[in-house]
Amino acid sequence: MLLNPHHSHISTTTMDTKMCRVLGHAIAVLFLSTSLASAACNKDDLKALLSFNSSFPPRTLYNWIDTEDCCSWDGIYCDDGTGRVTSLLFSNDDFNDFDPIDLVGRMPPSVGDLSELVDIRFSTLPNLVGPLPRQLSKLKKLKTINIYNTNLSGPIPSFLSQLPALERLDMSASQFTGSIPPSLGSLAKLRYVDLSRNGLTGSVPPSLFSRLDRSALATLNLRQNKLAGAVPRSFASVAFGGIDLHENRLTGDARFLFGKSKPATSIDLAQNKLSFDLTDVEYPVGNLDYLDVSHNEIHGSISEQIKEATKLSYLDMSYNMLCGRIPSGGSFGNISSRDFSHNKCLCGTPLPPCKN
């Protein structure tokens, strides 16, 4: 059967068009894959990192070689599209995904030249000493500071209030002293503060979380410091998911931290000098899992309403001045006598029966 020449011409043209389309698609895919490949380390960041490296003894950061892409170095994470360094993470914790690193000396000022940094972590580094460098205040995109279990010392610097993007501040288990700067309250996005296990003194600033959106959950951990004075009444309007003031020298009333509709999962006020009447306190029933008010001067009785906190798995009210019958039923079936011991006149299960 003879083909119509005109028809043959159309078929050939169609085939050529299809081939062009396939070839064009292949070129587009190749171009796209090339454009999506990780960009090389930015030259300004490379310069800052080499300066950072030179501040420590030779071979500390043994795979930091200036002829290689710095985005492949231990502790460095970059934005794939721009090659800018976004995270500086040095951790000897168990979850660390690179070989242990012992940073000996001070945190170098050159860290402030990594202008796109979003996340800094220096944890379990006992030979990292000295104060935080003021150059950190240059990092306007920084969201997270995690400095845990180091020997960094000096005051909590007020220049941290110059970091408008800061959301999480963890400077725990180190050697920081002095007072908590009230200027931290100017940070509108700061929702997580852990300054526990330091040597902090003075009072808790009422300004903390004052600019945080009232719908945002806040976390505050000031455990094991030497803080004194009253718990700020301004905290009554903060939506704490968790608050830990354990082992300080705080005094006065803290009833405003409680409330039936509050979102708290954990409240730890133990080992202070707090003094208030517990009788009419309402407990966060929706989420409360952990409550420790032991070793204070709290008086009154325990409301039956606490039984509505059905998620409560840990409770300690020992070493206070509480009286009256302990609520029974609900989660209280798993509470031991030591959790109510050394009070003025509590009675009922798990303590001896009430006399009337």
Foldseek 3Di string as FASTA:
>chain_A
DDDDPVVVVVVVVVVVVVVVVVVVVVVVVVVVVVQQAFDAADPQVLVLVVVQQVVFPPCLQVPSDSVDRNCPGPQWHADRNPNQTATGEQEPDPVRPDDHGAGAEERDLSVLSSQNYAYYADEQHARHEEEDDLSVLNNQNHAYDHAYQYAYEEAPDLSVLSRQNHAEYHNDNYAYEEEDDLSCLNRQRHAEYAHANYAYEEADHLSHNVNYDLVDEHEEHHYDYAYEEEDHPSCLSHQHQEYAPHAYAYEEDDLSNADQCRNHQYYHQYNYAYEDEQAPRAHPQPHHAYEHHAQYAYEHEHDLNVLSNQNHDYAAHAQYAYADEDHDDHPLVPDAPRSHYHYNHYADPPHHHDPD
